[in-house]
Amino acid sequence: MNVLVTGATGFLGSHLCPRLINEGYNVTILRRSSSDTTYLKGLNLNHMVGDITDSVAVDRAVKEQDMVIHAAAQIGQHSNRELQTRVNVDGTKNVVVASKKYQVKRLLYVSSIATIGIPFGPNFTADETFPLTIEKNDLNYYISKQQSEEEVLKGCKNGLDTLIVNPAWIFGQFGNDFRGCEMIDKVKRNVIIPYFRGGICAVHVNDVVNGILSALKQGRNGERYILGGENLSYRLIAEIASDCLRLKRIFIPVPSFVTGMMAKIFEMINKFTGKRPYLTFDEHRYVNRYHYYDSSKAVKELQYKYRPFKKIVEEYIEYKRIKNTP
């Protein structure tokens, strides 16, 4: 089975490609000439060089593929808006058009939890039906990913077999780094731990890869699947980290009015300096909300499983121990 992967040189892609190869897929990747392929070295895969925004390059890469996993994206809230929209929306449209043209058996789009609305508080979780309501803000990443999903669903309406997965906040090793470890490091370095009032849904990268592989085989056409993990407040994340590290720490909440005031001050300074604010007002709103999500649809239909956050912390601690061992 031939499968094309876009975004293969990124965090998720570097974990996904070796698993696909181990599962017996013949893997081709579409990458830019400037992409760092360090984490794909030694893998038996085919390289197609081209940009996701180039329809000709995408067409050439999709030709003769049985399946396409589209994971390429311009991430971050402070990316160039025009470039981000071009990569995320126009790039996805190129993939959809080529996939329909060559009648691929399945297009799986790796979207984001960002396209699902933020629930109302710590006692609520959002599922795939929860509406995204973009408040008056500058969250172009959210908007571009939502528009990308719309392109995929248009392809579905036109007869293309498609499905969408929405990973939550992904943790795990990426080369010589470990994504998502900032709070754990903060607990390790400091006795007093300030924390924001909100929370996140945390998932290990290998659990997301398992979900994608399962979705390829048994996901339903036209459906979306949240691939999340435990829902944790920022305080609980810090407490689990301190327990795993066997350290006693003092936890101090940062009130939302404080982050709001800081954001206003930093954005006022930005008007004079032109430098990116240390804390924006959108970020203030983000860290004070509970981004909690329900993965039960994937659990039921894809037999999706995710590990407890404690296991992620323990893996990171062991990773650091080995890395620092002479």
C-alpha atoms as a PDB file:
ATOM      1  CA  MET A   1       0.000   0.000   0.000  1.00  0.00           C
ATOM      2  CA  ASN A   2       1.510   3.323  -1.100  1.00  0.00           C
ATOM      3  CA  VAL A   3       1.030   6.248   1.294  1.00  0.00           C
ATOM      4  CA  LEU A   4       2.141   9.860   0.975  1.00  0.00           C
ATOM      5  CA  VAL A   5       2.952  11.814   4.129  1.00  0.00           C
ATOM      6  CA  THR A   6       3.205  15.605   4.210  1.00  0.00           C
ATOM      7  CA  GLY A   7       4.776  17.224   7.255  1.00  0.00           C
ATOM      8  CA  ALA A   8       6.971  14.146   7.654  1.00  0.00           C
ATOM      9  CA  THR A   9      10.021  16.051   8.939  1.00  0.00           C
ATOM     10  CA  GLY A  10       8.105  17.598  11.840  1.00  0.00           C
ATOM     11  CA  PHE A  11       7.531  16.332  15.378  1.00  0.00           C
ATOM     12  CA  LEU A  12       4.542  14.096  14.681  1.00  0.00           C
ATOM     13  CA  GLY A  13       5.735  13.091  11.202  1.00  0.00           C
ATOM     14  CA  SER A  14       9.109  11.867  12.493  1.00  0.00           C
ATOM     15  CA  HIS A  15       7.248   9.396  14.745  1.00  0.00           C
ATOM     16  CA  LEU A  16       4.595   8.497  12.194  1.00  0.00           C
ATOM     17  CA  CYS A  17       6.850   7.539   9.261  1.00  0.00           C
ATOM     18  CA  PRO A  18       8.821   4.727  10.953  1.00  0.00           C
ATOM     19  CA  ARG A  19       5.587   3.251  12.291  1.00  0.00           C
ATOM     20  CA  LEU A  20       4.028   3.260   8.816  1.00  0.00           C
ATOM     21  CA  ILE A  21       7.106   1.514   7.424  1.00  0.00           C
ATOM     22  CA  ASN A  22       6.973  -1.079  10.212  1.00  0.00           C
ATOM     23  CA  GLU A  23       3.302  -1.658   9.366  1.00  0.00           C
ATOM     24  CA  GLY A  24       4.287  -2.546   5.798  1.00  0.00           C
ATOM     25  CA  TYR A  25       3.362   0.681   3.999  1.00  0.00           C
ATOM     26  CA  ASN A  26       5.474   1.994   1.120  1.00  0.00           C
ATOM     27  CA  VAL A  27       6.033   5.560   2.348  1.00  0.00           C
ATOM     28  CA  THR A  28       6.679   8.644   0.234  1.00  0.00           C
ATOM     29  CA  ILE A  29       7.166  12.063   1.811  1.00  0.00           C
ATOM     30  CA  LEU A  30       6.686  15.497   0.295  1.00  0.00           C
ATOM     31  CA  ARG A  31       9.190  17.940   1.762  1.00  0.00           C
ATOM     32  CA  ARG A  32      10.844  21.226   0.945  1.00  0.00           C
ATOM     33  CA  SER A  33      14.443  21.257  -0.229  1.00  0.00           C
ATOM     34  CA  SER A  34      15.355  23.127   2.985  1.00  0.00           C
ATOM     35  CA  SER A  35      13.665  20.625   5.337  1.00  0.00           C
ATOM     36  CA  ASP A  36      15.789  19.039   8.047  1.00  0.00           C
ATOM     37  CA  THR A  37      15.634  15.274   7.445  1.00  0.00           C
ATOM     38  CA  THR A  38      17.858  14.370  10.395  1.00  0.00           C
ATOM     39  CA  TYR A  39      15.137  12.425  12.197  1.00  0.00           C
ATOM     40  CA  LEU A  40      14.210  10.416   9.101  1.00  0.00           C
ATOM     41  CA  LYS A  41      17.734   9.199   8.296  1.00  0.00           C
ATOM     42  CA  GLY A  42      18.033   5.480   7.734  1.00  0.00           C
ATOM     43  CA  LEU A  43      14.351   5.026   6.948  1.00  0.00           C
ATOM     44  CA  ASN A  44      13.349   3.240   3.769  1.00  0.00           C
ATOM     45  CA  LEU A  45      11.142   5.913   2.236  1.00  0.00           C
ATOM     46  CA  ASN A  46      10.859   7.911  -0.978  1.00  0.00           C
ATOM     47  CA  HIS A  47      11.532  11.661  -1.032  1.00  0.00           C
ATOM     48  CA  MET A  48       9.555  14.044  -3.248  1.00  0.00           C
ATOM     49  CA  VAL A  49      10.925  17.585  -3.054  1.00  0.00           C
ATOM     50  CA  GLY A  50       8.421  20.399  -3.350  1.00  0.00           C
ATOM     51  CA  ASP A  51       6.305  22.892  -1.424  1.00  0.00           C
ATOM     52  CA  ILE A  52       2.783  22.145  -0.216  1.00  0.00           C
ATOM     53  CA  THR A  53       1.674  25.490  -1.684  1.00  0.00           C
ATOM     54  CA  ASP A  54       2.842  24.410  -5.161  1.00  0.00           C
ATOM     55  CA  SER A  55      -0.072  22.582  -6.784  1.00  0.00           C
ATOM     56  CA  VAL A  56       2.193  21.028  -9.419  1.00  0.00           C
ATOM     57  CA  ALA A  57       4.521  19.560  -6.773  1.00  0.00           C
ATOM     58  CA  VAL A  58       1.574  18.243  -4.777  1.00  0.00           C
ATOM     59  CA  ASP A  59       0.008  16.713  -7.887  1.00  0.00           C
ATOM     60  CA  ARG A  60       3.268  14.954  -8.718  1.00  0.00           C
ATOM     61  CA  ALA A  61       3.591  13.613  -5.156  1.00  0.00           C
ATOM     62  CA  VAL A  62       0.002  12.337  -4.885  1.00  0.00           C
ATOM     63  CA  LYS A  63       0.082  10.515  -8.226  1.00  0.00           C
ATOM     64  CA  GLU A  64       0.228   6.712  -7.792  1.00  0.00           C
ATOM     65  CA  GLN A  65      -0.501   6.926  -4.045  1.00  0.00           C
ATOM     66  CA  ASP A  66      -3.174   4.749  -2.443  1.00  0.00           C
ATOM     67  CA  MET A  67      -3.528   6.931   0.649  1.00  0.00           C
ATOM     68  CA  VAL A  68      -2.464  10.395   1.758  1.00  0.00           C
ATOM     69  CA  ILE A  69      -1.767  11.587   5.303  1.00  0.00           C
ATOM     70  CA  HIS A  70      -1.677  15.375   5.233  1.00  0.00           C
ATOM     71  CA  ALA A  71       0.076  16.675   8.356  1.00  0.00           C
ATOM     72  CA  ALA A  72       1.997  19.670   6.970  1.00  0.00           C
ATOM     73  CA  ALA A  73       1.087  22.966   8.632  1.00  0.00           C
ATOM     74  CA  GLN A  74       2.398  26.356   9.599  1.00  0.00           C
ATOM     75  CA  ILE A  75       1.891  26.380  13.365  1.00  0.00           C
ATOM     76  CA  GLY A  76       2.096  29.077  16.020  1.00  0.00           C
ATOM     77  CA  GLN A  77       0.034  32.121  16.877  1.00  0.00           C
ATOM     78  CA  HIS A  78       2.746  34.576  15.837  1.00  0.00           C
ATOM     79  CA  SER A  79       3.551  33.217  12.399  1.00  0.00           C
ATOM     80  CA  ASN A  80       3.226  35.336   9.294  1.00  0.00           C
ATOM     81  CA  ARG A  81      -0.545  35.395   8.762  1.00  0.00           C
ATOM     82  CA  GLU A  82      -0.399  35.391   4.971  1.00  0.00           C
ATOM     83  CA  LEU A  83       2.108  32.515   4.864  1.00  0.00           C
ATOM     84  CA  GLN A  84       0.193  30.568   7.499  1.00  0.00           C
ATOM     85  CA  THR A  85      -3.044  30.818   5.534  1.00  0.00           C
ATOM     86  CA  ARG A  86      -1.293  29.914   2.290  1.00  0.00           C
ATOM     87  CA  VAL A  87       0.327  26.812   3.799  1.00  0.00           C
ATOM     88  CA  ASN A  88      -2.595  25.625   5.901  1.00  0.00           C
ATOM     89  CA  VAL A  89      -5.564  26.448   3.686  1.00  0.00           C
ATOM     90  CA  ASP A  90      -4.222  26.620   0.122  1.00  0.00           C
ATOM     91  CA  GLY A  91      -1.852  23.706   0.778  1.00  0.00           C
ATOM     92  CA  THR A  92      -4.723  21.571   2.029  1.00  0.00           C
ATOM     93  CA  LYS A  93      -6.809  22.518  -0.999  1.00  0.00           C
ATOM     94  CA  ASN A  94      -3.952  21.368  -3.256  1.00  0.00           C
ATOM     95  CA  VAL A  95      -3.848  18.009  -1.463  1.00  0.00           C
ATOM     96  CA  VAL A  96      -7.620  17.568  -1.730  1.00  0.00           C
ATOM     97  CA  VAL A  97      -7.690  18.416  -5.440  1.00  0.00           C
ATOM     98  CA  ALA A  98      -4.835  16.025  -6.275  1.00  0.00           C
ATOM     99  CA  SER A  99      -6.297  13.260  -4.098  1.00  0.00           C
ATOM    100  CA  LYS A 100      -9.646  13.550  -5.891  1.00  0.00           C
ATOM    101  CA  LYS A 101      -7.928  13.661  -9.287  1.00  0.00           C
ATOM    102  CA  TYR A 102      -6.025  10.426  -8.682  1.00  0.00           C
ATOM    103  CA  GLN A 103      -8.864   8.794  -6.731  1.00  0.00           C
ATOM    104  CA  VAL A 104      -6.840   7.926  -3.650  1.00  0.00           C
ATOM    105  CA  LYS A 105      -8.539   5.406  -1.400  1.00  0.00           C
ATOM    106  CA  ARG A 106      -8.327   7.621   1.668  1.00  0.00           C
ATOM    107  CA  LEU A 107      -7.171  11.114   2.664  1.00  0.00           C
ATOM    108  CA  LEU A 108      -6.475  11.534   6.354  1.00  0.00           C
ATOM    109  CA  TYR A 109      -6.053  15.134   7.484  1.00  0.00           C
ATOM    110  CA  VAL A 110      -4.151  15.804  10.700  1.00  0.00           C
ATOM    111  CA  SER A 111      -5.904  18.867  12.042  1.00  0.00           C
ATOM    112  CA  SER A 112      -5.786  20.162  15.609  1.00  0.00           C
ATOM    113  CA  ILE A 113      -7.809  20.478  18.765  1.00  0.00           C
ATOM    114  CA  ALA A 114      -7.734  24.194  17.908  1.00  0.00           C
ATOM    115  CA  THR A 115     -10.657  23.689  15.495  1.00  0.00           C
ATOM    116  CA  ILE A 116     -12.928  22.470  18.285  1.00  0.00           C
ATOM    117  CA  GLY A 117     -14.511  25.027  20.572  1.00  0.00           C
ATOM    118  CA  ILE A 118     -13.200  25.695  24.062  1.00  0.00           C
ATOM    119  CA  PRO A 119     -15.597  24.332  26.721  1.00  0.00           C
ATOM    120  CA  PHE A 120     -17.173  26.527  29.360  1.00  0.00           C
ATOM    121  CA  GLY A 121     -15.170  25.544  32.424  1.00  0.00           C
ATOM    122  CA  PRO A 122     -13.284  22.798  34.279  1.00  0.00           C
ATOM    123  CA  ASN A 123     -16.415  20.639  34.635  1.00  0.00           C
ATOM    124  CA  PHE A 124     -17.055  20.432  30.883  1.00  0.00           C
ATOM    125  CA  THR A 125     -15.361  18.600  28.015  1.00  0.00           C
ATOM    126  CA  ALA A 126     -15.851  19.289  24.312  1.00  0.00           C
ATOM    127  CA  ASP A 127     -16.378  16.560  21.737  1.00  0.00           C
ATOM    128  CA  GLU A 128     -16.279  16.616  17.922  1.00  0.00           C
ATOM    129  CA  THR A 129     -19.695  18.299  17.737  1.00  0.00           C
ATOM    130  CA  PHE A 130     -18.730  21.265  19.925  1.00  0.00           C
ATOM    131  CA  PRO A 131     -18.829  24.468  17.836  1.00  0.00           C
ATOM    132  CA  LEU A 132     -15.761  26.641  17.353  1.00  0.00           C
ATOM    133  CA  THR A 133     -16.571  30.272  18.064  1.00  0.00           C
ATOM    134  CA  ILE A 134     -13.676  32.557  17.253  1.00  0.00           C
ATOM    135  CA  GLU A 135     -13.874  35.582  19.481  1.00  0.00           C
ATOM    136  CA  LYS A 136     -12.523  38.911  18.281  1.00  0.00           C
ATOM    137  CA  ASN A 137      -8.871  38.019  18.424  1.00  0.00           C
ATOM    138  CA  ASP A 138      -5.786  37.335  16.362  1.00  0.00           C
ATOM    139  CA  LEU A 139      -5.883  33.541  16.475  1.00  0.00           C
ATOM    140  CA  ASN A 140      -5.102  33.036  12.809  1.00  0.00           C
ATOM    141  CA  TYR A 141      -3.863  29.489  13.406  1.00  0.00           C
ATOM    142  CA  TYR A 142      -7.296  28.450  14.705  1.00  0.00           C
ATOM    143  CA  ILE A 143      -9.032  30.097  11.769  1.00  0.00           C
ATOM    144  CA  SER A 144      -6.688  28.651   9.153  1.00  0.00           C
ATOM    145  CA  LYS A 145      -7.011  25.116  10.520  1.00  0.00           C
ATOM    146  CA  GLN A 146     -10.803  25.406  10.573  1.00  0.00           C
ATOM    147  CA  GLN A 147     -10.786  26.587   6.956  1.00  0.00           C
ATOM    148  CA  SER A 148      -8.476  23.681   6.094  1.00  0.00           C
ATOM    149  CA  GLU A 149     -10.975  21.231   7.558  1.00  0.00           C
ATOM    150  CA  GLU A 150     -13.671  22.828   5.411  1.00  0.00           C
ATOM    151  CA  GLU A 151     -11.562  22.105   2.307  1.00  0.00           C
ATOM    152  CA  VAL A 152     -11.285  18.453   3.360  1.00  0.00           C
ATOM    153  CA  LEU A 153     -15.034  18.197   3.946  1.00  0.00           C
ATOM    154  CA  LYS A 154     -15.693  19.722   0.505  1.00  0.00           C
ATOM    155  CA  GLY A 155     -13.619  16.905  -0.946  1.00  0.00           C
ATOM    156  CA  CYS A 156     -15.708  14.411   1.013  1.00  0.00           C
ATOM    157  CA  LYS A 157     -18.931  15.848  -0.414  1.00  0.00           C
ATOM    158  CA  ASN A 158     -17.435  15.453  -3.890  1.00  0.00           C
ATOM    159  CA  GLY A 159     -16.835  11.732  -3.415  1.00  0.00           C
ATOM    160  CA  LEU A 160     -13.363  11.673  -1.835  1.00  0.00           C
ATOM    161  CA  ASP A 161     -12.949   9.308   1.129  1.00  0.00           C
ATOM    162  CA  THR A 162     -11.686  11.589   3.908  1.00  0.00           C
ATOM    163  CA  LEU A 163     -11.401  11.738   7.653  1.00  0.00           C
ATOM    164  CA  ILE A 164      -9.941  14.176  10.135  1.00  0.00           C
ATOM    165  CA  VAL A 165      -8.047  13.609  13.381  1.00  0.00           C
ATOM    166  CA  ASN A 166      -7.709  16.343  15.998  1.00  0.00           C
ATOM    167  CA  PRO A 167      -4.715  15.751  18.280  1.00  0.00           C
ATOM    168  CA  ALA A 168      -4.581  17.569  21.601  1.00  0.00           C
ATOM    169  CA  TRP A 169      -1.354  18.928  23.206  1.00  0.00           C
ATOM    170  CA  ILE A 170       1.314  16.454  22.163  1.00  0.00           C
ATOM    171  CA  PHE A 171       4.197  15.486  24.449  1.00  0.00           C
ATOM    172  CA  GLY A 172       7.165  13.306  23.573  1.00  0.00           C
ATOM    173  CA  GLN A 173      10.741  13.072  22.394  1.00  0.00           C
ATOM    174  CA  PHE A 174      11.772  14.900  19.249  1.00  0.00           C
ATOM    175  CA  GLY A 175      15.446  14.369  18.470  1.00  0.00           C
ATOM    176  CA  ASN A 176      17.436  15.728  21.387  1.00  0.00           C
ATOM    177  CA  ASP A 177      14.427  17.547  22.804  1.00  0.00           C
ATOM    178  CA  PHE A 178      11.273  16.544  24.656  1.00  0.00           C
ATOM    179  CA  ARG A 179       8.206  18.511  23.631  1.00  0.00           C
ATOM    180  CA  GLY A 180       5.897  19.864  26.319  1.00  0.00           C
ATOM    181  CA  CYS A 181       8.358  19.579  29.214  1.00  0.00           C
ATOM    182  CA  GLU A 182       8.460  23.268  30.200  1.00  0.00           C
ATOM    183  CA  MET A 183       6.267  22.920  33.299  1.00  0.00           C
ATOM    184  CA  ILE A 184       8.180  19.836  34.437  1.00  0.00           C
ATOM    185  CA  ASP A 185      11.467  21.720  34.153  1.00  0.00           C
ATOM    186  CA  LYS A 186       9.998  24.654  36.057  1.00  0.00           C
ATOM    187  CA  VAL A 187       8.996  22.345  38.910  1.00  0.00           C
ATOM    188  CA  LYS A 188      12.493  20.872  38.939  1.00  0.00           C
ATOM    189  CA  ARG A 189      14.231  24.279  39.079  1.00  0.00           C
ATOM    190  CA  ASN A 190      12.030  26.268  41.463  1.00  0.00           C
ATOM    191  CA  VAL A 191      10.574  25.837  44.945  1.00  0.00           C
ATOM    192  CA  ILE A 192       7.689  28.261  44.375  1.00  0.00           C
ATOM    193  CA  ILE A 193       5.607  27.348  41.324  1.00  0.00           C
ATOM    194  CA  PRO A 194       3.199  29.963  39.955  1.00  0.00           C
ATOM    195  CA  TYR A 195       0.501  28.479  37.764  1.00  0.00           C
ATOM    196  CA  PHE A 196      -2.280  29.759  35.518  1.00  0.00           C
ATOM    197  CA  ARG A 197      -5.930  29.043  36.241  1.00  0.00           C
ATOM    198  CA  GLY A 198      -6.671  27.042  33.074  1.00  0.00           C
ATOM    199  CA  GLY A 199      -5.727  23.613  31.828  1.00  0.00           C
ATOM    200  CA  ILE A 200      -5.035  21.415  28.800  1.00  0.00           C
ATOM    201  CA  CYS A 201      -5.641  17.967  27.343  1.00  0.00           C
ATOM    202  CA  ALA A 202      -2.229  16.221  27.231  1.00  0.00           C
ATOM    203  CA  VAL A 203      -1.358  13.254  25.011  1.00  0.00           C
ATOM    204  CA  HIS A 204       1.786  11.299  24.140  1.00  0.00           C
ATOM    205  CA  VAL A 205       2.982  11.428  20.534  1.00  0.00           C
ATOM    206  CA  ASN A 206       2.995   7.635  20.209  1.00  0.00           C
ATOM    207  CA  ASP A 207      -0.643   7.451  21.270  1.00  0.00           C
ATOM    208  CA  VAL A 208      -1.522   9.943  18.529  1.00  0.00           C
ATOM    209  CA  VAL A 209       0.410   7.845  15.988  1.00  0.00           C
ATOM    210  CA  ASN A 210      -1.524   4.760  17.087  1.00  0.00           C
ATOM    211  CA  GLY A 211      -4.758   6.689  16.628  1.00  0.00           C
ATOM    212  CA  ILE A 212      -3.784   7.765  13.122  1.00  0.00           C
ATOM    213  CA  LEU A 213      -2.879   4.215  12.078  1.00  0.00           C
ATOM    214  CA  SER A 214      -6.166   2.929  13.438  1.00  0.00           C
ATOM    215  CA  ALA A 215      -8.113   5.728  11.720  1.00  0.00           C
ATOM    216  CA  LEU A 216      -6.491   4.840   8.389  1.00  0.00           C
ATOM    217  CA  LYS A 217      -7.826   1.308   8.681  1.00  0.00           C
ATOM    218  CA  GLN A 218     -11.190   1.701  10.360  1.00  0.00           C
ATOM    219  CA  GLY A 219     -12.158   5.365  10.636  1.00  0.00           C
ATOM    220  CA  ARG A 220     -15.477   6.335   9.068  1.00  0.00           C
ATOM    221  CA  ASN A 221     -15.566   8.445   5.938  1.00  0.00           C
ATOM    222  CA  GLY A 222     -16.291  12.112   6.642  1.00  0.00           C
ATOM    223  CA  GLU A 223     -15.783  11.859  10.403  1.00  0.00           C
ATOM    224  CA  ARG A 224     -13.581  13.732  12.872  1.00  0.00           C
ATOM    225  CA  TYR A 225     -11.815  12.053  15.783  1.00  0.00           C
ATOM    226  CA  ILE A 226     -10.306  13.793  18.806  1.00  0.00           C
ATOM    227  CA  LEU A 227      -7.010  12.138  19.759  1.00  0.00           C
ATOM    228  CA  GLY A 228      -6.496  13.444  23.267  1.00  0.00           C
ATOM    229  CA  GLY A 229      -5.424  12.232  26.672  1.00  0.00           C
ATOM    230  CA  GLU A 230      -5.917  13.293  30.267  1.00  0.00           C
ATOM    231  CA  ASN A 231      -7.531  16.658  30.975  1.00  0.00           C
ATOM    232  CA  LEU A 232      -5.346  18.439  33.513  1.00  0.00           C
ATOM    233  CA  SER A 233      -5.293  21.822  35.181  1.00  0.00           C
ATOM    234  CA  TYR A 234      -1.935  23.594  35.130  1.00  0.00           C
ATOM    235  CA  ARG A 235      -1.768  23.064  38.881  1.00  0.00           C
ATOM    236  CA  LEU A 236      -2.338  19.323  38.539  1.00  0.00           C
ATOM    237  CA  ILE A 237       0.388  19.123  35.892  1.00  0.00           C
ATOM    238  CA  ALA A 238       2.794  20.765  38.353  1.00  0.00           C
ATOM    239  CA  GLU A 239       1.686  18.516  41.212  1.00  0.00           C
ATOM    240  CA  ILE A 240       2.163  15.325  39.174  1.00  0.00           C
ATOM    241  CA  ALA A 241       5.606  16.554  38.104  1.00  0.00           C
ATOM    242  CA  SER A 242       6.629  17.312  41.690  1.00  0.00           C
ATOM    243  CA  ASP A 243       5.397  13.882  42.866  1.00  0.00           C
ATOM    244  CA  CYS A 244       7.336  12.085  40.124  1.00  0.00           C
ATOM    245  CA  LEU A 245      10.441  14.129  40.900  1.00  0.00           C
ATOM    246  CA  ARG A 246       9.923  13.529  44.646  1.00  0.00           C
ATOM    247  CA  LEU A 247      10.196  17.233  45.349  1.00  0.00           C
ATOM    248  CA  LYS A 248       8.168  19.372  47.735  1.00  0.00           C
ATOM    249  CA  ARG A 249       6.908  22.519  46.040  1.00  0.00           C
ATOM    250  CA  ILE A 250       4.706  25.495  46.887  1.00  0.00           C
ATOM    251  CA  PHE A 251       2.002  26.211  44.302  1.00  0.00           C
ATOM    252  CA  ILE A 252       0.785  29.781  43.853  1.00  0.00           C
ATOM    253  CA  PRO A 253      -2.128  30.604  41.497  1.00  0.00           C
ATOM    254  CA  VAL A 254      -1.733  33.582  39.177  1.00  0.00           C
ATOM    255  CA  PRO A 255      -5.123  35.377  39.132  1.00  0.00           C
ATOM    256  CA  SER A 256      -6.583  36.093  35.712  1.00  0.00           C
ATOM    257  CA  PHE A 257      -6.787  39.829  36.434  1.00  0.00           C
ATOM    258  CA  VAL A 258      -3.000  39.821  36.889  1.00  0.00           C
ATOM    259  CA  THR A 259      -2.317  38.191  33.509  1.00  0.00           C
ATOM    260  CA  GLY A 260      -4.878  40.502  31.905  1.00  0.00           C
ATOM    261  CA  MET A 261      -3.205  43.574  33.367  1.00  0.00           C
ATOM    262  CA  MET A 262       0.251  42.335  32.353  1.00  0.00           C
ATOM    263  CA  ALA A 263      -0.946  41.656  28.811  1.00  0.00           C
ATOM    264  CA  LYS A 264      -2.324  45.190  28.469  1.00  0.00           C
ATOM    265  CA  ILE A 265       0.932  46.678  29.746  1.00  0.00           C
ATOM    266  CA  PHE A 266       3.092  44.553  27.428  1.00  0.00           C
ATOM    267  CA  GLU A 267       0.914  45.334  24.419  1.00  0.00           C
ATOM    268  CA  MET A 268       1.152  49.066  25.215  1.00  0.00           C
ATOM    269  CA  ILE A 269       4.957  48.757  25.372  1.00  0.00           C
ATOM    270  CA  ASN A 270       4.837  46.901  22.049  1.00  0.00           C
ATOM    271  CA  LYS A 271       3.307  49.960  20.359  1.00  0.00           C
ATOM    272  CA  PHE A 272       6.461  51.923  21.178  1.00  0.00           C
ATOM    273  CA  THR A 273       9.126  49.227  20.758  1.00  0.00           C
ATOM    274  CA  GLY A 274       7.645  47.168  17.923  1.00  0.00           C
ATOM    275  CA  LYS A 275       8.825  43.991  19.651  1.00  0.00           C
ATOM    276  CA  ARG A 276       6.555  41.029  20.271  1.00  0.00           C
ATOM    277  CA  PRO A 277       4.854  41.380  23.699  1.00  0.00           C
ATOM    278  CA  TYR A 278       6.045  38.996  26.408  1.00  0.00           C
ATOM    279  CA  LEU A 279       2.373  38.225  27.042  1.00  0.00           C
ATOM    280  CA  THR A 280      -0.453  39.104  24.644  1.00  0.00           C
ATOM    281  CA  PHE A 281      -4.100  39.537  25.576  1.00  0.00           C
ATOM    282  CA  ASP A 282      -5.024  36.491  23.487  1.00  0.00           C
ATOM    283  CA  GLU A 283      -2.482  34.446  25.439  1.00  0.00           C
ATOM    284  CA  HIS A 284      -3.950  35.775  28.690  1.00  0.00           C
ATOM    285  CA  ARG A 285      -7.361  34.472  27.663  1.00  0.00           C
ATOM    286  CA  TYR A 286      -5.870  31.200  26.470  1.00  0.00           C
ATOM    287  CA  VAL A 287      -4.043  30.230  29.686  1.00  0.00           C
ATOM    288  CA  ASN A 288      -7.045  31.068  31.853  1.00  0.00           C
ATOM    289  CA  ARG A 289      -9.397  28.690  30.080  1.00  0.00           C
ATOM    290  CA  TYR A 290      -9.843  24.956  30.428  1.00  0.00           C
ATOM    291  CA  HIS A 291      -9.103  23.261  27.112  1.00  0.00           C
ATOM    292  CA  TYR A 292     -10.650  19.924  28.057  1.00  0.00           C
ATOM    293  CA  TYR A 293     -11.683  17.428  25.383  1.00  0.00           C
ATOM    294  CA  ASP A 294     -13.464  14.095  25.089  1.00  0.00           C
ATOM    295  CA  SER A 295     -11.744  11.309  23.114  1.00  0.00           C
ATOM    296  CA  SER A 296     -14.492   8.729  23.702  1.00  0.00           C
ATOM    297  CA  LYS A 297     -15.521   8.607  20.025  1.00  0.00           C
ATOM    298  CA  ALA A 298     -11.992   7.532  19.040  1.00  0.00           C
ATOM    299  CA  VAL A 299     -11.889   5.105  21.977  1.00  0.00           C
ATOM    300  CA  LYS A 300     -15.132   3.484  20.837  1.00  0.00           C
ATOM    301  CA  GLU A 301     -14.630   3.454  17.058  1.00  0.00           C
ATOM    302  CA  LEU A 302     -10.838   3.225  16.727  1.00  0.00           C
ATOM    303  CA  GLN A 303     -10.012   1.329  19.942  1.00  0.00           C
ATOM    304  CA  TYR A 304      -7.894   4.364  20.759  1.00  0.00           C
ATOM    305  CA  LYS A 305      -5.918   4.303  24.009  1.00  0.00           C
ATOM    306  CA  TYR A 306      -3.879   6.949  25.778  1.00  0.00           C
ATOM    307  CA  ARG A 307      -1.473   6.738  28.677  1.00  0.00           C
ATOM    308  CA  PRO A 308      -1.835   8.660  31.957  1.00  0.00           C
ATOM    309  CA  PHE A 309       0.062  11.939  32.163  1.00  0.00           C
ATOM    310  CA  LYS A 310       2.127  10.491  35.006  1.00  0.00           C
ATOM    311  CA  LYS A 311       3.642   8.018  32.524  1.00  0.00           C
ATOM    312  CA  ILE A 312       4.632  10.891  30.235  1.00  0.00           C
ATOM    313  CA  VAL A 313       6.389  12.659  33.120  1.00  0.00           C
ATOM    314  CA  GLU A 314       8.178   9.467  34.147  1.00  0.00           C
ATOM    315  CA  GLU A 315       9.360   8.968  30.561  1.00  0.00           C
ATOM    316  CA  TYR A 316      10.708  12.522  30.471  1.00  0.00           C
ATOM    317  CA  ILE A 317      12.552  12.082  33.770  1.00  0.00           C
ATOM    318  CA  GLU A 318      14.164   8.863  32.490  1.00  0.00           C
ATOM    319  CA  TYR A 319      15.015  10.575  29.190  1.00  0.00           C
ATOM    320  CA  LYS A 320      16.805  13.383  31.080  1.00  0.00           C
ATOM    321  CA  ARG A 321      18.602  10.874  33.315  1.00  0.00           C
ATOM    322  CA  ILE A 322      19.979   8.955  30.350  1.00  0.00           C
ATOM    323  CA  LYS A 323      20.836  12.142  28.460  1.00  0.00           C
ATOM    324  CA  ASN A 324      22.813  13.525  31.433  1.00  0.00           C
ATOM    325  CA  THR A 325      24.608  10.257  32.181  1.00  0.00           C
ATOM    326  CA  PRO A 326      28.288  10.469  31.107  1.00  0.00           C
END
